[in-house]
Amino acid sequence: MNAHYFLIEDIHRFIEDLDERDYRRGLSQEQGRDWVVYSKTLSHALTKLYSFQARREVHSPVQIRVTYQLVKDAKPLAKLAAELKRMNDEYRKTLPGWKTKREPRKDVRDKRWNRIQHLLRDNGELIECFRYQGDDRLTEGNYSFNLQIASTPKEQRVCFDFIKALAESFSPHGIVRGRRQADKPRQQRNGWIKRYADIHKKRGWTPLEIAREIQKELRNGTWDERSRLQYNLANNTICKIAGLKLHPQHAHLT
């Protein structure tokens, strides 16, 4: 069993704190020694256990052992990670910065952000098991303790998925950068070509006429006043993007 150890000076105050946090007390025996065990299941996903050797005389400091048991082969934690990822994706869609989409409403963005914060608060004690607590090596803040949660490769993958979702939730500005990178110029250009072609097709323009006008806009960079990027595409390429059927003899006309 993987375990993390830290030292505590005041064992009585430590036990009082566990009682206040609704940890259940139990006894176990290992290799002929009696252990006191305090356990609690967090968010129906992870059971955290604090244990120390039972002694008639308590000497300070007392060594505390921390172990973890993922519930039901990590399925509840995987479900929570997927839910958090879904909420992050929904929030990301409302962030400003897209050049090809309408500006999202602030109230929708705030509502989705508040949902994420609500989920984080409801599962705060579970999340603390995965977060770095501090620099003191003699406390539970030891940087390596959260690496002891997973005991199988499958559990490790679930833990990493959960940590990744948490990282996105706690770093909204990082989400903004990722979203802007997804808004690539080629996607903008192709979206504009499709919209332009649909509008002029309804006006009765022929595929060749539409392709020529699009080609002109692309060459001059006037298709997008923000980027001013210039492209030189053949008529058949433009029609393929726009979903138009161009006569073969017009494919390379300008």
C-alpha atoms as a PDB file:
ATOM      1  CA  MET A   1       0.000   0.000   0.000  1.00  0.00           C
ATOM      2  CA  ASN A   2       1.359   3.433  -0.950  1.00  0.00           C
ATOM      3  CA  ALA A   3       1.451   5.865   1.941  1.00  0.00           C
ATOM      4  CA  HIS A   4       2.527   9.369   2.845  1.00  0.00           C
ATOM      5  CA  TYR A   5       3.847  10.199   6.332  1.00  0.00           C
ATOM      6  CA  PHE A   6       4.049  13.421   8.265  1.00  0.00           C
ATOM      7  CA  LEU A   7       4.651  14.397  11.890  1.00  0.00           C
ATOM      8  CA  ILE A   8       2.218  16.092  14.251  1.00  0.00           C
ATOM      9  CA  GLU A   9       3.122  17.704  17.568  1.00  0.00           C
ATOM     10  CA  ASP A  10      -0.327  17.902  19.190  1.00  0.00           C
ATOM     11  CA  ILE A  11      -2.049  14.566  18.555  1.00  0.00           C
ATOM     12  CA  HIS A  12      -5.054  15.457  20.709  1.00  0.00           C
ATOM     13  CA  ARG A  13      -5.798  18.603  18.736  1.00  0.00           C
ATOM     14  CA  PHE A  14      -5.298  16.630  15.531  1.00  0.00           C
ATOM     15  CA  ILE A  15      -7.871  14.036  16.637  1.00  0.00           C
ATOM     16  CA  GLU A  16     -10.342  16.784  17.622  1.00  0.00           C
ATOM     17  CA  ASP A  17      -9.968  18.260  14.159  1.00  0.00           C
ATOM     18  CA  LEU A  18     -10.701  14.886  12.541  1.00  0.00           C
ATOM     19  CA  ASP A  19     -13.787  14.441  14.721  1.00  0.00           C
ATOM     20  CA  GLU A  20     -15.036  17.889  13.705  1.00  0.00           C
ATOM     21  CA  ARG A  21     -14.596  16.895  10.044  1.00  0.00           C
ATOM     22  CA  ASP A  22     -16.675  13.731  10.563  1.00  0.00           C
ATOM     23  CA  TYR A  23     -13.887  11.190  10.224  1.00  0.00           C
ATOM     24  CA  ARG A  24     -14.823   7.760  11.574  1.00  0.00           C
ATOM     25  CA  ARG A  25     -12.554   6.136  14.131  1.00  0.00           C
ATOM     26  CA  GLY A  26     -11.567   2.487  13.882  1.00  0.00           C
ATOM     27  CA  LEU A  27      -8.871   0.030  14.942  1.00  0.00           C
ATOM     28  CA  SER A  28      -6.719  -2.315  12.895  1.00  0.00           C
ATOM     29  CA  GLN A  29      -3.820  -4.649  13.483  1.00  0.00           C
ATOM     30  CA  GLU A  30      -0.751  -4.886  11.287  1.00  0.00           C
ATOM     31  CA  GLN A  31       2.136  -7.246  11.968  1.00  0.00           C
ATOM     32  CA  GLY A  32       1.135  -7.633  15.591  1.00  0.00           C
ATOM     33  CA  ARG A  33       0.770  -3.887  16.181  1.00  0.00           C
ATOM     34  CA  ASP A  34      -2.423  -1.988  16.914  1.00  0.00           C
ATOM     35  CA  TRP A  35      -3.260   1.038  14.762  1.00  0.00           C
ATOM     36  CA  VAL A  36      -5.837   3.787  15.218  1.00  0.00           C
ATOM     37  CA  VAL A  37      -7.482   4.630  11.907  1.00  0.00           C
ATOM     38  CA  TYR A  38      -9.635   7.646  11.002  1.00  0.00           C
ATOM     39  CA  SER A  39     -11.383   7.433   7.641  1.00  0.00           C
ATOM     40  CA  LYS A  40     -13.796   9.462   5.527  1.00  0.00           C
ATOM     41  CA  THR A  41     -15.173   9.010   1.998  1.00  0.00           C
ATOM     42  CA  LEU A  42     -14.973  12.276   0.040  1.00  0.00           C
ATOM     43  CA  SER A  43     -17.531  13.082  -2.687  1.00  0.00           C
ATOM     44  CA  HIS A  44     -18.412   9.361  -2.904  1.00  0.00           C
ATOM     45  CA  ALA A  45     -15.180   8.962  -4.886  1.00  0.00           C
ATOM     46  CA  LEU A  46     -12.176   8.665  -2.578  1.00  0.00           C
ATOM     47  CA  THR A  47     -11.686   7.330   0.948  1.00  0.00           C
ATOM     48  CA  LYS A  48      -8.934   9.075   2.871  1.00  0.00           C
ATOM     49  CA  LEU A  49      -7.407   7.350   5.893  1.00  0.00           C
ATOM     50  CA  TYR A  50      -5.245   8.791   8.679  1.00  0.00           C
ATOM     51  CA  SER A  51      -3.625   6.212  10.957  1.00  0.00           C
ATOM     52  CA  PHE A  52      -1.055   6.039  13.729  1.00  0.00           C
ATOM     53  CA  GLN A  53       0.178   3.364  16.084  1.00  0.00           C
ATOM     54  CA  ALA A  54      -1.785   2.963  19.300  1.00  0.00           C
ATOM     55  CA  ARG A  55       0.401   3.591  22.372  1.00  0.00           C
ATOM     56  CA  ARG A  56      -0.152   3.703  26.069  1.00  0.00           C
ATOM     57  CA  GLU A  57       2.123   6.689  26.338  1.00  0.00           C
ATOM     58  CA  VAL A  58       1.996   9.342  23.628  1.00  0.00           C
ATOM     59  CA  HIS A  59       5.291  10.962  22.775  1.00  0.00           C
ATOM     60  CA  SER A  60       5.603  14.006  20.517  1.00  0.00           C
ATOM     61  CA  PRO A  61       5.894  14.229  17.643  1.00  0.00           C
ATOM     62  CA  VAL A  62       3.570  11.451  16.436  1.00  0.00           C
ATOM     63  CA  GLN A  63       4.004   9.993  12.963  1.00  0.00           C
ATOM     64  CA  ILE A  64       0.780  10.066  10.951  1.00  0.00           C
ATOM     65  CA  ARG A  65       0.270   7.807   7.944  1.00  0.00           C
ATOM     66  CA  VAL A  66      -2.023   8.889   5.088  1.00  0.00           C
ATOM     67  CA  THR A  67      -3.430   6.383   2.615  1.00  0.00           C
ATOM     68  CA  TYR A  68      -6.132   6.561  -0.052  1.00  0.00           C
ATOM     69  CA  GLN A  69      -8.645   4.150  -1.555  1.00  0.00           C
ATOM     70  CA  LEU A  70     -10.477   5.036  -4.752  1.00  0.00           C
ATOM     71  CA  VAL A  71     -14.120   3.940  -4.636  1.00  0.00           C
ATOM     72  CA  LYS A  72     -15.473   1.380  -7.124  1.00  0.00           C
ATOM     73  CA  ASP A  73     -12.366   1.116  -9.255  1.00  0.00           C
ATOM     74  CA  ALA A  74     -12.223   4.936  -9.650  1.00  0.00           C
ATOM     75  CA  LYS A  75     -15.542   5.087 -11.559  1.00  0.00           C
ATOM     76  CA  PRO A  76     -17.075   7.902  -9.421  1.00  0.00           C
ATOM     77  CA  LEU A  77     -13.907   9.983  -9.788  1.00  0.00           C
ATOM     78  CA  ALA A  78     -13.900   9.390 -13.564  1.00  0.00           C
ATOM     79  CA  LYS A  79     -17.523  10.563 -13.695  1.00  0.00           C
ATOM     80  CA  LEU A  80     -16.687  13.703 -11.730  1.00  0.00           C
ATOM     81  CA  ALA A  81     -13.693  14.418 -13.998  1.00  0.00           C
ATOM     82  CA  ALA A  82     -15.896  14.057 -17.103  1.00  0.00           C
ATOM     83  CA  GLU A  83     -18.521  16.389 -15.614  1.00  0.00           C
ATOM     84  CA  LEU A  84     -15.925  19.034 -14.785  1.00  0.00           C
ATOM     85  CA  LYS A  85     -14.408  18.735 -18.262  1.00  0.00           C
ATOM     86  CA  ARG A  86     -17.863  19.192 -19.835  1.00  0.00           C
ATOM     87  CA  MET A  87     -18.504  22.296 -17.741  1.00  0.00           C
ATOM     88  CA  ASN A  88     -15.076  23.704 -18.689  1.00  0.00           C
ATOM     89  CA  ASP A  89     -15.856  23.154 -22.385  1.00  0.00           C
ATOM     90  CA  GLU A  90     -19.240  24.887 -22.042  1.00  0.00           C
ATOM     91  CA  TYR A  91     -17.630  27.832 -20.286  1.00  0.00           C
ATOM     92  CA  ARG A  92     -14.885  28.042 -22.911  1.00  0.00           C
ATOM     93  CA  LYS A  93     -17.508  28.480 -25.643  1.00  0.00           C
ATOM     94  CA  THR A  94     -18.747  31.694 -23.997  1.00  0.00           C
ATOM     95  CA  LEU A  95     -15.333  33.361 -23.727  1.00  0.00           C
ATOM     96  CA  PRO A  96     -14.650  36.424 -25.887  1.00  0.00           C
ATOM     97  CA  GLY A  97     -11.899  36.409 -28.465  1.00  0.00           C
ATOM     98  CA  TRP A  98     -13.443  34.499 -31.348  1.00  0.00           C
ATOM     99  CA  LYS A  99     -13.170  36.369 -34.633  1.00  0.00           C
ATOM    100  CA  THR A 100     -15.732  34.284 -36.464  1.00  0.00           C
ATOM    101  CA  LYS A 101     -18.450  34.047 -33.839  1.00  0.00           C
ATOM    102  CA  ARG A 102     -20.883  36.465 -32.288  1.00  0.00           C
ATOM    103  CA  GLU A 103     -19.809  38.009 -28.980  1.00  0.00           C
ATOM    104  CA  PRO A 104     -21.225  35.817 -26.178  1.00  0.00           C
ATOM    105  CA  ARG A 105     -23.580  37.241 -23.582  1.00  0.00           C
ATOM    106  CA  LYS A 106     -21.913  38.081 -20.278  1.00  0.00           C
ATOM    107  CA  ASP A 107     -24.751  36.695 -18.166  1.00  0.00           C
ATOM    108  CA  VAL A 108     -24.450  33.281 -19.875  1.00  0.00           C
ATOM    109  CA  ARG A 109     -20.681  33.272 -19.329  1.00  0.00           C
ATOM    110  CA  ASP A 110     -21.074  34.238 -15.657  1.00  0.00           C
ATOM    111  CA  LYS A 111     -23.719  31.580 -15.088  1.00  0.00           C
ATOM    112  CA  ARG A 112     -21.509  28.816 -16.477  1.00  0.00           C
ATOM    113  CA  TRP A 113     -18.506  30.066 -14.519  1.00  0.00           C
ATOM    114  CA  ASN A 114     -20.565  30.055 -11.306  1.00  0.00           C
ATOM    115  CA  ARG A 115     -21.589  26.442 -11.977  1.00  0.00           C
ATOM    116  CA  ILE A 116     -17.924  25.449 -12.087  1.00  0.00           C
ATOM    117  CA  GLN A 117     -17.196  27.295  -8.842  1.00  0.00           C
ATOM    118  CA  HIS A 118     -20.191  25.650  -7.183  1.00  0.00           C
ATOM    119  CA  LEU A 119     -18.918  22.190  -8.168  1.00  0.00           C
ATOM    120  CA  LEU A 120     -15.437  23.033  -6.889  1.00  0.00           C
ATOM    121  CA  ARG A 121     -16.828  24.195  -3.534  1.00  0.00           C
ATOM    122  CA  ASP A 122     -19.018  21.110  -3.146  1.00  0.00           C
ATOM    123  CA  ASN A 123     -15.992  18.857  -3.700  1.00  0.00           C
ATOM    124  CA  GLY A 124     -13.433  21.012  -1.938  1.00  0.00           C
ATOM    125  CA  GLU A 125     -12.218  18.371   0.504  1.00  0.00           C
ATOM    126  CA  LEU A 126     -11.680  15.878  -2.314  1.00  0.00           C
ATOM    127  CA  ILE A 127      -9.838  18.464  -4.419  1.00  0.00           C
ATOM    128  CA  GLU A 128      -7.502  19.286  -1.541  1.00  0.00           C
ATOM    129  CA  CYS A 129      -6.176  15.718  -1.775  1.00  0.00           C
ATOM    130  CA  PHE A 130      -4.811  16.542  -5.233  1.00  0.00           C
ATOM    131  CA  ARG A 131      -3.461  20.013  -4.516  1.00  0.00           C
ATOM    132  CA  TYR A 132      -0.023  21.031  -3.284  1.00  0.00           C
ATOM    133  CA  GLN A 133      -0.381  22.338   0.274  1.00  0.00           C
ATOM    134  CA  GLY A 134       2.929  23.978   1.096  1.00  0.00           C
ATOM    135  CA  ASP A 135       6.687  23.687   1.482  1.00  0.00           C
ATOM    136  CA  ASP A 136       6.904  22.199   4.973  1.00  0.00           C
ATOM    137  CA  ARG A 137       8.146  18.605   4.572  1.00  0.00           C
ATOM    138  CA  LEU A 138       6.964  17.764   8.117  1.00  0.00           C
ATOM    139  CA  THR A 139       3.296  18.357   7.317  1.00  0.00           C
ATOM    140  CA  GLU A 140       0.774  16.866   4.960  1.00  0.00           C
ATOM    141  CA  GLY A 141       1.917  19.459   2.453  1.00  0.00           C
ATOM    142  CA  ASN A 142       4.703  17.169   1.272  1.00  0.00           C
ATOM    143  CA  TYR A 143       4.709  17.661  -2.502  1.00  0.00           C
ATOM    144  CA  SER A 144       4.677  13.923  -3.191  1.00  0.00           C
ATOM    145  CA  PHE A 145       1.697  12.888  -1.106  1.00  0.00           C
ATOM    146  CA  ASN A 146      -0.897  13.247  -3.861  1.00  0.00           C
ATOM    147  CA  LEU A 147       1.072  10.848  -6.057  1.00  0.00           C
ATOM    148  CA  GLN A 148       0.102   8.079  -3.637  1.00  0.00           C
ATOM    149  CA  ILE A 149      -3.614   8.140  -4.481  1.00  0.00           C
ATOM    150  CA  ALA A 150      -3.503   5.815  -7.489  1.00  0.00           C
ATOM    151  CA  SER A 151      -2.454   2.203  -7.037  1.00  0.00           C
ATOM    152  CA  THR A 152      -3.060   0.895 -10.592  1.00  0.00           C
ATOM    153  CA  PRO A 153      -2.388   2.299 -14.088  1.00  0.00           C
ATOM    154  CA  LYS A 154      -6.143   2.720 -14.651  1.00  0.00           C
ATOM    155  CA  GLU A 155      -6.559   4.697 -11.430  1.00  0.00           C
ATOM    156  CA  GLN A 156      -3.559   6.808 -12.374  1.00  0.00           C
ATOM    157  CA  ARG A 157      -5.143   7.733 -15.715  1.00  0.00           C
ATOM    158  CA  VAL A 158      -8.354   8.739 -13.963  1.00  0.00           C
ATOM    159  CA  CYS A 159      -6.416  10.858 -11.452  1.00  0.00           C
ATOM    160  CA  PHE A 160      -4.525  12.621 -14.236  1.00  0.00           C
ATOM    161  CA  ASP A 161      -7.795  13.337 -16.065  1.00  0.00           C
ATOM    162  CA  PHE A 162      -9.227  14.822 -12.886  1.00  0.00           C
ATOM    163  CA  ILE A 163      -6.118  16.930 -12.256  1.00  0.00           C
ATOM    164  CA  LYS A 164      -6.193  18.197 -15.844  1.00  0.00           C
ATOM    165  CA  ALA A 165      -9.831  19.261 -15.481  1.00  0.00           C
ATOM    166  CA  LEU A 166      -9.003  20.957 -12.171  1.00  0.00           C
ATOM    167  CA  ALA A 167      -6.095  22.833 -13.768  1.00  0.00           C
ATOM    168  CA  GLU A 168      -8.425  24.270 -16.411  1.00  0.00           C
ATOM    169  CA  SER A 169     -11.017  25.241 -13.808  1.00  0.00           C
ATOM    170  CA  PHE A 170      -8.452  27.094 -11.694  1.00  0.00           C
ATOM    171  CA  SER A 171      -6.802  28.785 -14.715  1.00  0.00           C
ATOM    172  CA  PRO A 172      -9.470  30.643 -16.713  1.00  0.00           C
ATOM    173  CA  HIS A 173      -6.879  32.833 -18.446  1.00  0.00           C
ATOM    174  CA  GLY A 174      -5.140  29.699 -19.682  1.00  0.00           C
ATOM    175  CA  ILE A 175      -8.445  28.585 -21.144  1.00  0.00           C
ATOM    176  CA  VAL A 176      -8.699  31.912 -22.995  1.00  0.00           C
ATOM    177  CA  ARG A 177      -5.315  31.399 -24.642  1.00  0.00           C
ATOM    178  CA  GLY A 178      -6.187  27.899 -25.734  1.00  0.00           C
ATOM    179  CA  ARG A 179      -9.457  29.031 -27.190  1.00  0.00           C
ATOM    180  CA  ARG A 180      -7.892  31.798 -29.255  1.00  0.00           C
ATOM    181  CA  GLN A 181      -5.372  29.373 -30.696  1.00  0.00           C
ATOM    182  CA  ALA A 182      -8.286  27.224 -31.842  1.00  0.00           C
ATOM    183  CA  ASP A 183      -9.678  30.150 -33.845  1.00  0.00           C
ATOM    184  CA  LYS A 184      -7.272  29.627 -36.752  1.00  0.00           C
ATOM    185  CA  PRO A 185      -7.199  31.904 -39.856  1.00  0.00           C
ATOM    186  CA  ARG A 186      -7.955  28.996 -42.171  1.00  0.00           C
ATOM    187  CA  GLN A 187     -11.112  28.178 -40.232  1.00  0.00           C
ATOM    188  CA  GLN A 188     -12.123  31.837 -40.372  1.00  0.00           C
ATOM    189  CA  ARG A 189     -11.494  31.983 -44.109  1.00  0.00           C
ATOM    190  CA  ASN A 190     -13.431  28.813 -44.908  1.00  0.00           C
ATOM    191  CA  GLY A 191     -16.337  29.936 -42.745  1.00  0.00           C
ATOM    192  CA  TRP A 192     -16.453  33.265 -44.565  1.00  0.00           C
ATOM    193  CA  ILE A 193     -16.353  31.531 -47.991  1.00  0.00           C
ATOM    194  CA  LYS A 194     -19.315  29.336 -47.069  1.00  0.00           C
ATOM    195  CA  ARG A 195     -21.392  32.249 -45.787  1.00  0.00           C
ATOM    196  CA  TYR A 196     -20.559  34.434 -48.785  1.00  0.00           C
ATOM    197  CA  ALA A 197     -21.431  31.639 -51.219  1.00  0.00           C
ATOM    198  CA  ASP A 198     -24.754  30.855 -49.506  1.00  0.00           C
ATOM    199  CA  ILE A 199     -25.860  34.477 -49.607  1.00  0.00           C
ATOM    200  CA  HIS A 200     -25.017  35.002 -53.284  1.00  0.00           C
ATOM    201  CA  LYS A 201     -26.346  31.619 -54.338  1.00  0.00           C
ATOM    202  CA  LYS A 202     -29.741  32.690 -53.005  1.00  0.00           C
ATOM    203  CA  ARG A 203     -29.433  35.855 -55.120  1.00  0.00           C
ATOM    204  CA  GLY A 204     -29.113  33.743 -58.278  1.00  0.00           C
ATOM    205  CA  TRP A 205     -25.380  34.041 -58.879  1.00  0.00           C
ATOM    206  CA  THR A 206     -23.667  31.221 -60.769  1.00  0.00           C
ATOM    207  CA  PRO A 207     -20.871  29.208 -59.128  1.00  0.00           C
ATOM    208  CA  LEU A 208     -18.296  30.846 -61.435  1.00  0.00           C
ATOM    209  CA  GLU A 209     -19.480  34.361 -60.550  1.00  0.00           C
ATOM    210  CA  ILE A 210     -19.412  33.546 -56.849  1.00  0.00           C
ATOM    211  CA  ALA A 211     -15.936  31.994 -57.082  1.00  0.00           C
ATOM    212  CA  ARG A 212     -14.546  35.036 -58.940  1.00  0.00           C
ATOM    213  CA  GLU A 213     -15.884  37.490 -56.347  1.00  0.00           C
ATOM    214  CA  ILE A 214     -14.576  35.382 -53.483  1.00  0.00           C
ATOM    215  CA  GLN A 215     -11.213  35.097 -55.197  1.00  0.00           C
ATOM    216  CA  LYS A 216     -11.041  38.858 -55.565  1.00  0.00           C
ATOM    217  CA  GLU A 217     -11.834  39.444 -51.893  1.00  0.00           C
ATOM    218  CA  LEU A 218      -9.265  36.874 -50.799  1.00  0.00           C
ATOM    219  CA  ARG A 219      -6.487  38.269 -52.991  1.00  0.00           C
ATOM    220  CA  ASN A 220      -7.074  41.818 -51.755  1.00  0.00           C
ATOM    221  CA  GLY A 221      -7.397  40.765 -48.128  1.00  0.00           C
ATOM    222  CA  THR A 222     -10.752  42.538 -47.863  1.00  0.00           C
ATOM    223  CA  TRP A 223     -12.655  39.412 -46.798  1.00  0.00           C
ATOM    224  CA  ASP A 224     -11.738  40.166 -43.140  1.00  0.00           C
ATOM    225  CA  GLU A 225     -11.105  43.744 -42.074  1.00  0.00           C
ATOM    226  CA  ARG A 226      -9.363  42.580 -38.886  1.00  0.00           C
ATOM    227  CA  SER A 227      -6.772  40.157 -40.171  1.00  0.00           C
ATOM    228  CA  ARG A 228      -6.338  41.516 -43.740  1.00  0.00           C
ATOM    229  CA  LEU A 229      -4.810  38.162 -44.660  1.00  0.00           C
ATOM    230  CA  GLN A 230      -4.436  37.483 -48.389  1.00  0.00           C
ATOM    231  CA  TYR A 231      -5.029  34.148 -50.138  1.00  0.00           C
ATOM    232  CA  ASN A 232      -4.736  32.978 -53.718  1.00  0.00           C
ATOM    233  CA  LEU A 233      -7.082  30.007 -54.236  1.00  0.00           C
ATOM    234  CA  ALA A 234      -8.172  28.396 -57.496  1.00  0.00           C
ATOM    235  CA  ASN A 235     -11.859  28.480 -58.443  1.00  0.00           C
ATOM    236  CA  ASN A 236     -12.298  24.740 -57.950  1.00  0.00           C
ATOM    237  CA  THR A 237     -10.786  24.967 -54.454  1.00  0.00           C
ATOM    238  CA  ILE A 238     -13.136  27.803 -53.532  1.00  0.00           C
ATOM    239  CA  CYS A 239     -16.160  25.918 -54.828  1.00  0.00           C
ATOM    240  CA  LYS A 240     -15.113  22.781 -52.981  1.00  0.00           C
ATOM    241  CA  ILE A 241     -14.974  24.724 -49.714  1.00  0.00           C
ATOM    242  CA  ALA A 242     -18.284  26.459 -50.448  1.00  0.00           C
ATOM    243  CA  GLY A 243     -20.037  23.277 -51.567  1.00  0.00           C
ATOM    244  CA  LEU A 244     -20.656  24.594 -55.096  1.00  0.00           C
ATOM    245  CA  LYS A 245     -20.566  22.537 -58.275  1.00  0.00           C
ATOM    246  CA  LEU A 246     -18.324  24.210 -60.836  1.00  0.00           C
ATOM    247  CA  HIS A 247     -18.205  23.159 -64.492  1.00  0.00           C
ATOM    248  CA  PRO A 248     -14.811  21.518 -65.257  1.00  0.00           C
ATOM    249  CA  GLN A 249     -13.985  24.033 -67.991  1.00  0.00           C
ATOM    250  CA  HIS A 250     -14.291  26.904 -65.475  1.00  0.00           C
ATOM    251  CA  ALA A 251     -12.156  25.279 -62.781  1.00  0.00           C
ATOM    252  CA  HIS A 252      -8.993  27.312 -63.408  1.00  0.00           C
ATOM    253  CA  LEU A 253     -10.469  30.502 -64.860  1.00  0.00           C
ATOM    254  CA  THR A 254      -9.752  33.760 -63.030  1.00  0.00           C
END
